[in-house]
Amino acid sequence: MPVNLPTNLLRSFVAIVDTGSMLSAADKVFVTQSALSLQIKRLEELLQLPLFNRDGRRLSLTASGDLMLGYARRVLQLHDEAVNAVTVGHFAGPARIGMVQDFAETLLSGLLAQFAQLHPDAHIYSRVAGTAELIDLLDRGQLDIVLGFAGGHDAHAVTRAPMGWYGKSDTASAGEVRLAVLEAPCRFRDAAIRALDDAGRPYRITVETPNLTTLRAAVEAGLGVTCRTRLFSAEEPLVTPDLPGLPDVSCILRTAPTLDGPTGHLANLVRDTVGAL
């Protein structure tokens, strides 16, 4: 009888090679490192051949592993094509989307609810983090869609938005601007500090936090002004000669090189929703 190789074992094997480590591969295929190790052990037992040379935590392909890699890719490609062809319009795997906090708080619930109505069997993985971290996860194959911020003329821009100052005017009208910011790295923090420095306005950071909700509470309490977009507050941005002008920011959408039908649909929903802001 021929040996049957489960596709989940082949997918884990390819993920280890593509990501270069057990840790990254475990994140990509949504299993623990210990489970991933057991999967590879099982695959090697089925083939009765070692696929990796192990030197401590370092892995390299054996000659058999190198030969198996090409076949594994072909098997998975044909498998995924078959699933997509048979289940057109149905959800086949997790849609992995990452957003910065601004979009998560204002768009995530409505956007994903709309997607869930269209794809009731959807499995959605959502990550909220800074743009740089999300793009790194996308490049490592751990996210399919990233919605974040970039410079005003970024090639991946869906739309551009003006930055503005938000807070109580008395926190900016004094001799020293009281500034509330997110922890670095943060594009808005950098823009605020650069604008104040260029204008020769003295400032003091009174609130520094990693959390957008805390930042909003501090600004509403009058502890400082901050630099954000209209997504930050229902209040109008401050218009005062006490504060310098700010640049535009790009709302960017980045996606994996290939998306399945439903995940591609989610990317289109994101593009349409953000483009309408």
C-alpha atoms as a PDB file:
ATOM      1  CA  MET A   1       0.000   0.000   0.000  1.00  0.00           C
ATOM      2  CA  PRO A   2       1.282   3.501  -0.804  1.00  0.00           C
ATOM      3  CA  VAL A   3       2.039   5.826   2.075  1.00  0.00           C
ATOM      4  CA  ASN A   4      -0.523   8.609   2.572  1.00  0.00           C
ATOM      5  CA  LEU A   5       1.067  11.927   3.572  1.00  0.00           C
ATOM      6  CA  PRO A   6      -1.411  14.270   5.323  1.00  0.00           C
ATOM      7  CA  THR A   7      -1.361  17.746   3.803  1.00  0.00           C
ATOM      8  CA  ASN A   8      -1.103  19.402   7.220  1.00  0.00           C
ATOM      9  CA  LEU A   9       2.240  17.660   7.724  1.00  0.00           C
ATOM     10  CA  LEU A  10       3.450  18.796   4.313  1.00  0.00           C
ATOM     11  CA  ARG A  11       2.270  22.356   5.012  1.00  0.00           C
ATOM     12  CA  SER A  12       4.182  22.427   8.280  1.00  0.00           C
ATOM     13  CA  PHE A  13       7.289  21.053   6.569  1.00  0.00           C
ATOM     14  CA  VAL A  14       7.173  23.766   3.877  1.00  0.00           C
ATOM     15  CA  ALA A  15       6.479  26.453   6.500  1.00  0.00           C
ATOM     16  CA  ILE A  16       9.643  25.544   8.414  1.00  0.00           C
ATOM     17  CA  VAL A  17      11.732  25.818   5.256  1.00  0.00           C
ATOM     18  CA  ASP A  18      10.107  29.090   4.135  1.00  0.00           C
ATOM     19  CA  THR A  19      10.311  30.855   7.496  1.00  0.00           C
ATOM     20  CA  GLY A  20      13.672  29.455   8.527  1.00  0.00           C
ATOM     21  CA  SER A  21      12.700  28.537  12.087  1.00  0.00           C
ATOM     22  CA  MET A  22      10.350  26.374  14.093  1.00  0.00           C
ATOM     23  CA  LEU A  23       9.053  29.411  16.014  1.00  0.00           C
ATOM     24  CA  SER A  24       8.043  31.390  12.924  1.00  0.00           C
ATOM     25  CA  ALA A  25       6.624  28.298  11.241  1.00  0.00           C
ATOM     26  CA  ALA A  26       4.484  27.516  14.295  1.00  0.00           C
ATOM     27  CA  ASP A  27       2.943  30.986  14.085  1.00  0.00           C
ATOM     28  CA  LYS A  28       2.326  30.597  10.365  1.00  0.00           C
ATOM     29  CA  VAL A  29       0.470  27.266  10.601  1.00  0.00           C
ATOM     30  CA  PHE A  30      -1.240  28.119  13.926  1.00  0.00           C
ATOM     31  CA  VAL A  31       0.176  25.316  16.083  1.00  0.00           C
ATOM     32  CA  THR A  32       2.540  25.258  19.047  1.00  0.00           C
ATOM     33  CA  GLN A  33       6.230  24.528  18.576  1.00  0.00           C
ATOM     34  CA  SER A  34       5.871  21.182  20.340  1.00  0.00           C
ATOM     35  CA  ALA A  35       2.988  20.185  18.057  1.00  0.00           C
ATOM     36  CA  LEU A  36       5.008  21.268  15.027  1.00  0.00           C
ATOM     37  CA  SER A  37       7.941  19.108  16.143  1.00  0.00           C
ATOM     38  CA  LEU A  38       5.606  16.129  16.489  1.00  0.00           C
ATOM     39  CA  GLN A  39       4.229  16.757  12.999  1.00  0.00           C
ATOM     40  CA  ILE A  40       7.696  16.691  11.442  1.00  0.00           C
ATOM     41  CA  LYS A  41       8.602  13.593  13.430  1.00  0.00           C
ATOM     42  CA  ARG A  42       5.438  11.917  12.126  1.00  0.00           C
ATOM     43  CA  LEU A  43       6.240  12.933   8.540  1.00  0.00           C
ATOM     44  CA  GLU A  44       9.751  11.511   8.827  1.00  0.00           C
ATOM     45  CA  GLU A  45       8.333   8.302  10.295  1.00  0.00           C
ATOM     46  CA  LEU A  46       5.922   7.947   7.364  1.00  0.00           C
ATOM     47  CA  LEU A  47       8.742   8.484   4.872  1.00  0.00           C
ATOM     48  CA  GLN A  48      11.217   6.499   6.988  1.00  0.00           C
ATOM     49  CA  LEU A  49      13.802   9.153   6.141  1.00  0.00           C
ATOM     50  CA  PRO A  50      15.175  12.203   7.970  1.00  0.00           C
ATOM     51  CA  LEU A  51      14.179  15.499   6.354  1.00  0.00           C
ATOM     52  CA  PHE A  52      16.326  17.816   8.478  1.00  0.00           C
ATOM     53  CA  ASN A  53      19.848  17.827   9.817  1.00  0.00           C
ATOM     54  CA  ARG A  54      19.658  19.050  13.412  1.00  0.00           C
ATOM     55  CA  ASP A  55      22.513  20.972  14.998  1.00  0.00           C
ATOM     56  CA  GLY A  56      21.078  22.250  18.275  1.00  0.00           C
ATOM     57  CA  ARG A  57      18.264  24.571  17.208  1.00  0.00           C
ATOM     58  CA  ARG A  58      19.639  24.988  13.699  1.00  0.00           C
ATOM     59  CA  LEU A  59      17.927  23.024  10.948  1.00  0.00           C
ATOM     60  CA  SER A  60      19.073  22.286   7.428  1.00  0.00           C
ATOM     61  CA  LEU A  61      17.551  20.047   4.797  1.00  0.00           C
ATOM     62  CA  THR A  62      18.945  16.622   4.149  1.00  0.00           C
ATOM     63  CA  ALA A  63      19.224  15.442   0.538  1.00  0.00           C
ATOM     64  CA  SER A  64      15.895  13.642   1.027  1.00  0.00           C
ATOM     65  CA  GLY A  65      14.362  16.752   2.534  1.00  0.00           C
ATOM     66  CA  ASP A  66      15.511  18.890  -0.380  1.00  0.00           C
ATOM     67  CA  LEU A  67      13.965  16.426  -2.840  1.00  0.00           C
ATOM     68  CA  MET A  68      10.741  16.215  -0.807  1.00  0.00           C
ATOM     69  CA  LEU A  69      10.381  20.004  -0.675  1.00  0.00           C
ATOM     70  CA  GLY A  70       9.642  20.331  -4.390  1.00  0.00           C
ATOM     71  CA  TYR A  71       7.053  17.568  -4.299  1.00  0.00           C
ATOM     72  CA  ALA A  72       5.448  19.010  -1.152  1.00  0.00           C
ATOM     73  CA  ARG A  73       5.014  22.403  -2.817  1.00  0.00           C
ATOM     74  CA  ARG A  74       3.407  20.792  -5.875  1.00  0.00           C
ATOM     75  CA  VAL A  75       1.062  18.676  -3.747  1.00  0.00           C
ATOM     76  CA  LEU A  76      -0.047  21.689  -1.676  1.00  0.00           C
ATOM     77  CA  GLN A  77      -0.539  23.859  -4.750  1.00  0.00           C
ATOM     78  CA  LEU A  78      -2.741  21.222  -6.389  1.00  0.00           C
ATOM     79  CA  HIS A  79      -4.585  20.624  -3.115  1.00  0.00           C
ATOM     80  CA  ASP A  80      -5.340  24.335  -2.646  1.00  0.00           C
ATOM     81  CA  GLU A  81      -6.403  24.740  -6.268  1.00  0.00           C
ATOM     82  CA  ALA A  82      -8.823  21.840  -5.856  1.00  0.00           C
ATOM     83  CA  VAL A  83     -10.304  23.276  -2.656  1.00  0.00           C
ATOM     84  CA  ASN A  84     -10.712  26.723  -4.225  1.00  0.00           C
ATOM     85  CA  ALA A  85     -12.317  25.253  -7.351  1.00  0.00           C
ATOM     86  CA  VAL A  86     -14.803  23.124  -5.429  1.00  0.00           C
ATOM     87  CA  THR A  87     -15.635  25.658  -2.698  1.00  0.00           C
ATOM     88  CA  VAL A  88     -15.986  28.813  -4.788  1.00  0.00           C
ATOM     89  CA  GLY A  89     -17.678  31.443  -2.629  1.00  0.00           C
ATOM     90  CA  HIS A  90     -17.032  29.507   0.572  1.00  0.00           C
ATOM     91  CA  PHE A  91     -14.417  30.214   3.194  1.00  0.00           C
ATOM     92  CA  ALA A  92     -11.462  27.810   3.214  1.00  0.00           C
ATOM     93  CA  GLY A  93      -8.946  29.131   5.761  1.00  0.00           C
ATOM     94  CA  PRO A  94      -8.203  31.865   8.306  1.00  0.00           C
ATOM     95  CA  ALA A  95      -8.171  35.467   7.097  1.00  0.00           C
ATOM     96  CA  ARG A  96      -5.317  37.104   8.984  1.00  0.00           C
ATOM     97  CA  ILE A  97      -5.683  40.874   9.208  1.00  0.00           C
ATOM     98  CA  GLY A  98      -3.591  43.400  11.108  1.00  0.00           C
ATOM     99  CA  MET A  99      -4.629  46.969  11.925  1.00  0.00           C
ATOM    100  CA  VAL A 100      -3.258  49.905  13.851  1.00  0.00           C
ATOM    101  CA  GLN A 101      -5.322  50.869  16.896  1.00  0.00           C
ATOM    102  CA  ASP A 102      -6.988  53.835  15.184  1.00  0.00           C
ATOM    103  CA  PHE A 103      -8.659  51.613  12.585  1.00  0.00           C
ATOM    104  CA  ALA A 104      -9.355  48.771  14.995  1.00  0.00           C
ATOM    105  CA  GLU A 105     -11.413  50.988  17.295  1.00  0.00           C
ATOM    106  CA  THR A 106     -13.421  52.680  14.544  1.00  0.00           C
ATOM    107  CA  LEU A 107     -13.650  50.141  11.705  1.00  0.00           C
ATOM    108  CA  LEU A 108     -12.985  46.642  12.994  1.00  0.00           C
ATOM    109  CA  SER A 109     -16.424  45.718  14.337  1.00  0.00           C
ATOM    110  CA  GLY A 110     -18.460  46.983  11.372  1.00  0.00           C
ATOM    111  CA  LEU A 111     -16.017  45.779   8.737  1.00  0.00           C
ATOM    112  CA  LEU A 112     -15.649  42.281  10.131  1.00  0.00           C
ATOM    113  CA  ALA A 113     -19.381  42.006  10.822  1.00  0.00           C
ATOM    114  CA  GLN A 114     -20.035  42.743   7.154  1.00  0.00           C
ATOM    115  CA  PHE A 115     -17.460  40.147   6.140  1.00  0.00           C
ATOM    116  CA  ALA A 116     -18.982  37.575   8.510  1.00  0.00           C
ATOM    117  CA  GLN A 117     -22.403  38.090   6.945  1.00  0.00           C
ATOM    118  CA  LEU A 118     -20.970  37.330   3.515  1.00  0.00           C
ATOM    119  CA  HIS A 119     -18.856  34.416   4.795  1.00  0.00           C
ATOM    120  CA  PRO A 120     -20.600  32.935   7.854  1.00  0.00           C
ATOM    121  CA  ASP A 121     -18.032  30.121   8.106  1.00  0.00           C
ATOM    122  CA  ALA A 122     -15.166  32.603   8.274  1.00  0.00           C
ATOM    123  CA  HIS A 123     -12.267  32.146  10.668  1.00  0.00           C
ATOM    124  CA  ILE A 124     -10.682  35.549  11.252  1.00  0.00           C
ATOM    125  CA  TYR A 125      -7.393  36.199  13.007  1.00  0.00           C
ATOM    126  CA  SER A 126      -6.945  39.850  13.935  1.00  0.00           C
ATOM    127  CA  ARG A 127      -3.771  41.531  15.213  1.00  0.00           C
ATOM    128  CA  VAL A 128      -3.587  45.119  16.515  1.00  0.00           C
ATOM    129  CA  ALA A 129      -0.109  46.664  16.580  1.00  0.00           C
ATOM    130  CA  GLY A 130       2.019  49.426  15.099  1.00  0.00           C
ATOM    131  CA  THR A 131       2.428  49.649  11.326  1.00  0.00           C
ATOM    132  CA  ALA A 132       6.092  48.607  11.307  1.00  0.00           C
ATOM    133  CA  GLU A 133       5.390  45.472  13.353  1.00  0.00           C
ATOM    134  CA  LEU A 134       2.409  44.549  11.163  1.00  0.00           C
ATOM    135  CA  ILE A 135       4.385  44.921   7.931  1.00  0.00           C
ATOM    136  CA  ASP A 136       7.113  42.716   9.395  1.00  0.00           C
ATOM    137  CA  LEU A 137       4.501  40.038  10.146  1.00  0.00           C
ATOM    138  CA  LEU A 138       3.149  40.390   6.598  1.00  0.00           C
ATOM    139  CA  ASP A 139       6.638  39.988   5.121  1.00  0.00           C
ATOM    140  CA  ARG A 140       7.149  36.877   7.259  1.00  0.00           C
ATOM    141  CA  GLY A 141       3.920  35.353   5.936  1.00  0.00           C
ATOM    142  CA  GLN A 142       2.038  35.624   9.238  1.00  0.00           C
ATOM    143  CA  LEU A 143      -0.582  38.137   8.047  1.00  0.00           C
ATOM    144  CA  ASP A 144      -2.586  38.423   4.823  1.00  0.00           C
ATOM    145  CA  ILE A 145      -3.783  42.026   5.117  1.00  0.00           C
ATOM    146  CA  VAL A 146      -2.289  45.050   6.870  1.00  0.00           C
ATOM    147  CA  LEU A 147      -3.987  48.398   7.390  1.00  0.00           C
ATOM    148  CA  GLY A 148      -1.746  51.097   8.780  1.00  0.00           C
ATOM    149  CA  PHE A 149      -0.188  54.531   8.374  1.00  0.00           C
ATOM    150  CA  ALA A 150       2.744  55.737   6.276  1.00  0.00           C
ATOM    151  CA  GLY A 151       4.172  58.917   4.789  1.00  0.00           C
ATOM    152  CA  GLY A 152       1.930  61.232   2.798  1.00  0.00           C
ATOM    153  CA  HIS A 153       2.975  59.887  -0.618  1.00  0.00           C
ATOM    154  CA  ASP A 154       3.309  56.148   0.072  1.00  0.00           C
ATOM    155  CA  ALA A 155       2.777  53.895  -2.958  1.00  0.00           C
ATOM    156  CA  HIS A 156       0.351  51.690  -0.997  1.00  0.00           C
ATOM    157  CA  ALA A 157      -1.902  54.586   0.052  1.00  0.00           C
ATOM    158  CA  VAL A 158      -5.657  54.017  -0.172  1.00  0.00           C
ATOM    159  CA  THR A 159      -6.353  57.574   0.921  1.00  0.00           C
ATOM    160  CA  ARG A 160      -4.567  60.488   2.538  1.00  0.00           C
ATOM    161  CA  ALA A 161      -5.694  62.213   5.713  1.00  0.00           C
ATOM    162  CA  PRO A 162      -4.599  65.458   7.366  1.00  0.00           C
ATOM    163  CA  MET A 163      -2.979  65.241  10.750  1.00  0.00           C
ATOM    164  CA  GLY A 164      -4.424  67.580  13.344  1.00  0.00           C
ATOM    165  CA  TRP A 165      -3.977  68.692  16.930  1.00  0.00           C
ATOM    166  CA  TYR A 166      -6.532  67.358  19.401  1.00  0.00           C
ATOM    167  CA  GLY A 167      -7.110  68.404  22.980  1.00  0.00           C
ATOM    168  CA  LYS A 168      -8.031  71.448  25.027  1.00  0.00           C
ATOM    169  CA  SER A 169      -6.770  74.766  23.727  1.00  0.00           C
ATOM    170  CA  ASP A 170      -5.425  75.888  27.111  1.00  0.00           C
ATOM    171  CA  THR A 171      -2.858  73.056  27.040  1.00  0.00           C
ATOM    172  CA  ALA A 172      -1.318  74.652  23.948  1.00  0.00           C
ATOM    173  CA  SER A 173      -1.786  78.372  24.556  1.00  0.00           C
ATOM    174  CA  ALA A 174       0.630  78.580  27.470  1.00  0.00           C
ATOM    175  CA  GLY A 175       4.308  79.244  26.928  1.00  0.00           C
ATOM    176  CA  GLU A 176       5.079  75.529  26.928  1.00  0.00           C
ATOM    177  CA  VAL A 177       2.973  73.042  24.967  1.00  0.00           C
ATOM    178  CA  ARG A 178       1.931  70.046  27.030  1.00  0.00           C
ATOM    179  CA  LEU A 179       2.163  67.045  24.735  1.00  0.00           C
ATOM    180  CA  ALA A 180       0.491  63.623  25.022  1.00  0.00           C
ATOM    181  CA  VAL A 181       1.974  60.892  22.790  1.00  0.00           C
ATOM    182  CA  LEU A 182       2.153  57.165  22.166  1.00  0.00           C
ATOM    183  CA  GLU A 183       5.399  55.368  22.846  1.00  0.00           C
ATOM    184  CA  ALA A 184       7.956  55.264  20.032  1.00  0.00           C
ATOM    185  CA  PRO A 185       7.975  54.188  17.295  1.00  0.00           C
ATOM    186  CA  CYS A 186       4.971  56.335  16.327  1.00  0.00           C
ATOM    187  CA  ARG A 187       4.543  58.411  13.173  1.00  0.00           C
ATOM    188  CA  PHE A 188       2.255  60.912  14.900  1.00  0.00           C
ATOM    189  CA  ARG A 189       4.613  61.385  17.832  1.00  0.00           C
ATOM    190  CA  ASP A 190       7.465  62.098  15.395  1.00  0.00           C
ATOM    191  CA  ALA A 191       5.339  64.527  13.364  1.00  0.00           C
ATOM    192  CA  ALA A 192       4.248  66.470  16.446  1.00  0.00           C
ATOM    193  CA  ILE A 193       7.769  66.815  17.831  1.00  0.00           C
ATOM    194  CA  ARG A 194       9.219  67.752  14.433  1.00  0.00           C
ATOM    195  CA  ALA A 195       6.543  70.416  13.860  1.00  0.00           C
ATOM    196  CA  LEU A 196       7.076  71.962  17.292  1.00  0.00           C
ATOM    197  CA  ASP A 197      10.865  71.909  16.900  1.00  0.00           C
ATOM    198  CA  ASP A 198      10.672  73.497  13.434  1.00  0.00           C
ATOM    199  CA  ALA A 199       8.379  76.211  14.765  1.00  0.00           C
ATOM    200  CA  GLY A 200      10.620  76.865  17.767  1.00  0.00           C
ATOM    201  CA  ARG A 201       7.781  76.082  20.188  1.00  0.00           C
ATOM    202  CA  PRO A 202       8.854  74.762  23.568  1.00  0.00           C
ATOM    203  CA  TYR A 203       7.043  71.614  24.673  1.00  0.00           C
ATOM    204  CA  ARG A 204       7.015  69.035  27.413  1.00  0.00           C
ATOM    205  CA  ILE A 205       5.764  65.444  27.121  1.00  0.00           C
ATOM    206  CA  THR A 206       3.275  65.085  29.959  1.00  0.00           C
ATOM    207  CA  VAL A 207       1.725  61.744  28.944  1.00  0.00           C
ATOM    208  CA  GLU A 208       3.401  58.793  27.207  1.00  0.00           C
ATOM    209  CA  THR A 209       1.485  55.545  26.753  1.00  0.00           C
ATOM    210  CA  PRO A 210       1.444  52.473  24.479  1.00  0.00           C
ATOM    211  CA  ASN A 211      -2.355  52.479  24.395  1.00  0.00           C
ATOM    212  CA  LEU A 212      -4.600  54.672  22.232  1.00  0.00           C
ATOM    213  CA  THR A 213      -7.505  54.453  24.687  1.00  0.00           C
ATOM    214  CA  THR A 214      -5.312  55.786  27.487  1.00  0.00           C
ATOM    215  CA  LEU A 215      -4.024  58.542  25.210  1.00  0.00           C
ATOM    216  CA  ARG A 216      -7.588  59.582  24.368  1.00  0.00           C
ATOM    217  CA  ALA A 217      -8.549  59.655  28.055  1.00  0.00           C
ATOM    218  CA  ALA A 218      -5.511  61.804  28.885  1.00  0.00           C
ATOM    219  CA  VAL A 219      -6.308  64.274  26.109  1.00  0.00           C
ATOM    220  CA  GLU A 220      -9.968  64.490  27.132  1.00  0.00           C
ATOM    221  CA  ALA A 221      -8.860  65.124  30.715  1.00  0.00           C
ATOM    222  CA  GLY A 222      -6.802  68.115  29.561  1.00  0.00           C
ATOM    223  CA  LEU A 223      -3.423  66.594  30.349  1.00  0.00           C
ATOM    224  CA  GLY A 224      -2.017  67.472  26.942  1.00  0.00           C
ATOM    225  CA  VAL A 225      -2.622  67.908  23.230  1.00  0.00           C
ATOM    226  CA  THR A 226      -1.812  65.196  20.730  1.00  0.00           C
ATOM    227  CA  CYS A 227      -1.330  64.779  16.993  1.00  0.00           C
ATOM    228  CA  ARG A 228      -3.694  62.298  15.268  1.00  0.00           C
ATOM    229  CA  THR A 229      -6.268  62.066  12.453  1.00  0.00           C
ATOM    230  CA  ARG A 230     -10.052  62.466  12.653  1.00  0.00           C
ATOM    231  CA  LEU A 231     -10.278  58.796  13.594  1.00  0.00           C
ATOM    232  CA  PHE A 232      -8.993  59.761  17.030  1.00  0.00           C
ATOM    233  CA  SER A 233     -11.842  61.964  18.227  1.00  0.00           C
ATOM    234  CA  ALA A 234     -15.358  63.109  17.414  1.00  0.00           C
ATOM    235  CA  GLU A 235     -14.212  66.620  18.311  1.00  0.00           C
ATOM    236  CA  GLU A 236     -12.891  68.960  15.634  1.00  0.00           C
ATOM    237  CA  PRO A 237      -9.111  69.429  15.584  1.00  0.00           C
ATOM    238  CA  LEU A 238      -7.750  72.556  17.220  1.00  0.00           C
ATOM    239  CA  VAL A 239      -7.291  75.577  14.982  1.00  0.00           C
ATOM    240  CA  THR A 240      -4.993  77.986  16.796  1.00  0.00           C
ATOM    241  CA  PRO A 241      -1.893  80.034  15.913  1.00  0.00           C
ATOM    242  CA  ASP A 242      -0.286  78.589  19.032  1.00  0.00           C
ATOM    243  CA  LEU A 243       0.284  75.269  17.241  1.00  0.00           C
ATOM    244  CA  PRO A 244       2.182  74.720  13.966  1.00  0.00           C
ATOM    245  CA  GLY A 245       0.805  73.038  10.861  1.00  0.00           C
ATOM    246  CA  LEU A 246       1.130  69.291  10.362  1.00  0.00           C
ATOM    247  CA  PRO A 247       1.625  67.108   7.255  1.00  0.00           C
ATOM    248  CA  ASP A 248      -0.765  64.585   5.720  1.00  0.00           C
ATOM    249  CA  VAL A 249      -0.513  60.886   6.472  1.00  0.00           C
ATOM    250  CA  SER A 250      -1.274  57.966   4.141  1.00  0.00           C
ATOM    251  CA  CYS A 251      -3.713  55.251   5.136  1.00  0.00           C
ATOM    252  CA  ILE A 252      -2.077  52.212   3.545  1.00  0.00           C
ATOM    253  CA  LEU A 253      -3.291  48.754   2.634  1.00  0.00           C
ATOM    254  CA  ARG A 254      -0.687  46.022   2.176  1.00  0.00           C
ATOM    255  CA  THR A 255      -1.549  42.432   1.273  1.00  0.00           C
ATOM    256  CA  ALA A 256       0.194  39.114   0.793  1.00  0.00           C
ATOM    257  CA  PRO A 257       1.246  38.347  -2.822  1.00  0.00           C
ATOM    258  CA  THR A 258      -1.635  35.886  -3.245  1.00  0.00           C
ATOM    259  CA  LEU A 259      -5.013  35.841  -1.485  1.00  0.00           C
ATOM    260  CA  ASP A 260      -7.799  33.281  -1.698  1.00  0.00           C
ATOM    261  CA  GLY A 261     -11.274  34.416  -2.772  1.00  0.00           C
ATOM    262  CA  PRO A 262     -12.773  35.343   0.626  1.00  0.00           C
ATOM    263  CA  THR A 263      -9.556  36.895   1.949  1.00  0.00           C
ATOM    264  CA  GLY A 264      -9.279  38.907  -1.265  1.00  0.00           C
ATOM    265  CA  HIS A 265     -12.869  40.001  -0.700  1.00  0.00           C
ATOM    266  CA  LEU A 266     -11.958  41.142   2.813  1.00  0.00           C
ATOM    267  CA  ALA A 267      -9.080  43.180   1.374  1.00  0.00           C
ATOM    268  CA  ASN A 268     -11.506  44.836  -1.050  1.00  0.00           C
ATOM    269  CA  LEU A 269     -13.903  45.636   1.805  1.00  0.00           C
ATOM    270  CA  VAL A 270     -11.036  47.221   3.725  1.00  0.00           C
ATOM    271  CA  ARG A 271     -10.001  49.258   0.668  1.00  0.00           C
ATOM    272  CA  ASP A 272     -13.555  50.498   0.038  1.00  0.00           C
ATOM    273  CA  THR A 273     -14.186  51.346   3.701  1.00  0.00           C
ATOM    274  CA  VAL A 274     -10.938  53.241   4.200  1.00  0.00           C
ATOM    275  CA  GLY A 275     -11.205  54.954   0.830  1.00  0.00           C
ATOM    276  CA  ALA A 276     -14.566  56.375   1.865  1.00  0.00           C
ATOM    277  CA  LEU A 277     -13.171  58.035   5.019  1.00  0.00           C
END
